[in-house]
Amino acid sequence: MRILVDENIPRITVDRLRALGHDVKDIRGTGEQGLADAGLWIVALHERRLLITTDKGFTGYRTASHSGILIVRLRQPNRRKIDQSVMLALERFEESSWPGLIVVIRDATMSTSRSGGPVER
């Protein structure tokens, strides 16, 4: 799967995703580091990548066509908790189900939506 990770996603997660065979673009250390949300969104759309972030502002794109958005929203996030949340979501949803899907993971819940309403599970 083609994935774009925001700067707030731990490197350990990037490494694990790559080890699983995913094509992961990490913008840290590139000219795209520090992009505003709108710029990051354009990269995700242009390159057709699932966007993984901790930024809840991306829920505003729920009506747009996209390759998927995974948002991790934990009360007291740390690298381990973020990594576990990302891996849980990627295990739960098949690659083919990500286009148009928004998944928001919180401490005790996971919510999903698509353009036009919630995802049936």
Protein backbone atom coordinates (compact mmCIF):
# COMPACT_ATOMS: atom_id res chain seq x y z
CA MET A 1 0.00 0.00 0.00
CA ARG A 2 1.16 3.54 -0.71
CA ILE A 3 1.28 5.52 2.55
CA LEU A 4 2.17 9.10 3.51
CA VAL A 5 3.04 9.64 7.16
CA ASP A 6 2.80 13.02 8.82
CA GLU A 7 5.77 14.20 10.89
CA ASN A 8 3.98 13.23 14.11
CA ILE A 9 4.04 9.51 13.33
CA PRO A 10 6.99 7.71 14.99
CA ARG A 11 9.88 6.44 12.91
CA ILE A 12 9.41 3.00 14.44
CA THR A 13 6.00 2.92 12.76
CA VAL A 14 7.52 3.95 9.43
CA ASP A 15 10.11 1.18 9.77
CA ARG A 16 7.46 -1.43 10.65
CA LEU A 17 5.25 -0.40 7.73
CA ARG A 18 8.17 -0.66 5.34
CA ALA A 19 9.11 -4.06 6.77
CA LEU A 20 5.56 -5.18 5.96
CA GLY A 21 6.18 -4.22 2.33
CA HIS A 22 4.35 -0.89 2.20
CA ASP A 23 5.62 2.02 0.08
CA VAL A 24 5.93 4.63 2.85
CA LYS A 25 6.75 8.28 2.23
CA ASP A 26 8.06 9.99 5.37
CA ILE A 27 8.39 13.74 4.83
CA ARG A 28 10.84 14.24 7.70
CA GLY A 29 14.18 15.41 6.42
CA THR A 30 12.80 16.34 3.00
CA GLY A 31 11.86 19.65 1.42
CA GLU A 32 8.25 18.83 2.29
CA GLN A 33 8.93 18.75 6.04
CA GLY A 34 6.88 21.40 7.81
CA LEU A 35 4.20 21.56 5.13
CA ALA A 36 0.89 22.99 6.26
CA ASP A 37 -2.05 20.57 6.29
CA ALA A 38 -3.24 21.79 2.89
CA GLY A 39 0.16 21.04 1.35
CA LEU A 40 0.33 17.60 2.93
CA TRP A 41 -3.18 16.90 1.66
CA ILE A 42 -2.12 17.81 -1.88
CA VAL A 43 0.84 15.41 -1.66
CA ALA A 44 -1.43 12.59 -0.43
CA LEU A 45 -3.93 13.21 -3.24
CA HIS A 46 -1.37 13.66 -6.00
CA GLU A 47 0.57 10.52 -5.03
CA ARG A 48 -2.57 8.53 -4.14
CA ARG A 49 -1.39 7.63 -0.67
CA LEU A 50 -3.18 6.71 2.53
CA LEU A 51 -2.48 9.58 4.94
CA ILE A 52 -1.54 8.66 8.53
CA THR A 53 -1.53 11.53 11.03
CA THR A 54 -2.45 12.61 14.55
CA ASP A 55 -3.98 15.85 13.23
CA LYS A 56 -7.77 15.86 13.64
CA GLY A 57 -8.07 18.69 11.11
CA PHE A 58 -8.00 16.13 8.31
CA THR A 59 -11.52 15.00 9.23
CA GLY A 60 -12.60 18.09 7.30
CA TYR A 61 -11.76 16.23 4.08
CA ARG A 62 -14.35 13.51 4.67
CA THR A 63 -16.40 14.45 1.61
CA ALA A 64 -13.42 14.57 -0.78
CA SER A 65 -12.17 11.64 -2.83
CA HIS A 66 -8.95 10.28 -1.33
CA SER A 67 -6.90 7.14 -0.77
CA GLY A 68 -7.77 6.98 2.93
CA ILE A 69 -7.05 8.88 6.12
CA LEU A 70 -5.99 7.34 9.43
CA ILE A 71 -6.06 9.75 12.37
CA VAL A 72 -4.68 8.70 15.76
CA ARG A 73 -6.18 10.82 18.58
CA LEU A 74 -4.93 9.65 21.97
CA ARG A 75 -5.16 11.60 25.24
CA GLN A 76 -1.56 10.92 26.22
CA PRO A 77 0.15 9.78 23.04
CA ASN A 78 3.61 8.30 22.96
CA ARG A 79 5.52 6.47 20.23
CA ARG A 80 4.46 3.03 21.40
CA LYS A 81 0.74 3.89 21.65
CA ILE A 82 0.68 5.63 18.28
CA ASP A 83 2.50 2.69 16.68
CA GLN A 84 0.08 0.17 18.19
CA SER A 85 -2.92 2.19 17.02
CA VAL A 86 -1.64 2.44 13.46
CA MET A 87 -0.90 -1.28 13.30
CA LEU A 88 -4.34 -2.13 14.71
CA ALA A 89 -6.09 -0.08 12.04
CA LEU A 90 -4.03 -1.52 9.21
CA GLU A 91 -4.75 -5.06 10.43
CA ARG A 92 -8.47 -4.35 10.71
CA PHE A 93 -9.03 -2.92 7.22
CA GLU A 94 -7.93 -4.52 3.97
CA GLU A 95 -5.97 -2.42 1.51
CA SER A 96 -8.89 -2.38 -0.91
CA SER A 97 -11.19 -0.80 1.70
CA TRP A 98 -9.03 2.29 2.37
CA PRO A 99 -9.93 4.51 -0.61
CA GLY A 100 -12.46 7.04 0.70
CA LEU A 101 -12.25 5.68 4.27
CA ILE A 102 -11.52 7.83 7.30
CA VAL A 103 -10.57 6.01 10.49
CA VAL A 104 -10.17 7.88 13.77
CA ILE A 105 -8.62 5.91 16.62
CA ARG A 106 -9.04 7.15 20.16
CA ASP A 107 -7.98 5.55 23.44
CA ALA A 108 -10.93 3.17 23.68
CA THR A 109 -12.78 3.58 20.37
CA MET A 110 -12.34 3.48 16.63
CA SER A 111 -14.75 5.36 14.39
CA THR A 112 -15.02 5.12 10.63
CA SER A 113 -16.74 7.13 7.94
CA ARG A 114 -16.93 7.50 4.20
CA SER A 115 -18.34 10.11 1.94
CA GLY A 116 -22.08 9.61 2.24
CA GLY A 117 -22.12 8.06 5.70
CA PRO A 118 -20.60 5.53 8.06
CA VAL A 119 -18.83 2.39 6.94
CA GLU A 120 -20.67 -0.87 7.51
CA ARG A 121 -18.63 -3.41 9.52
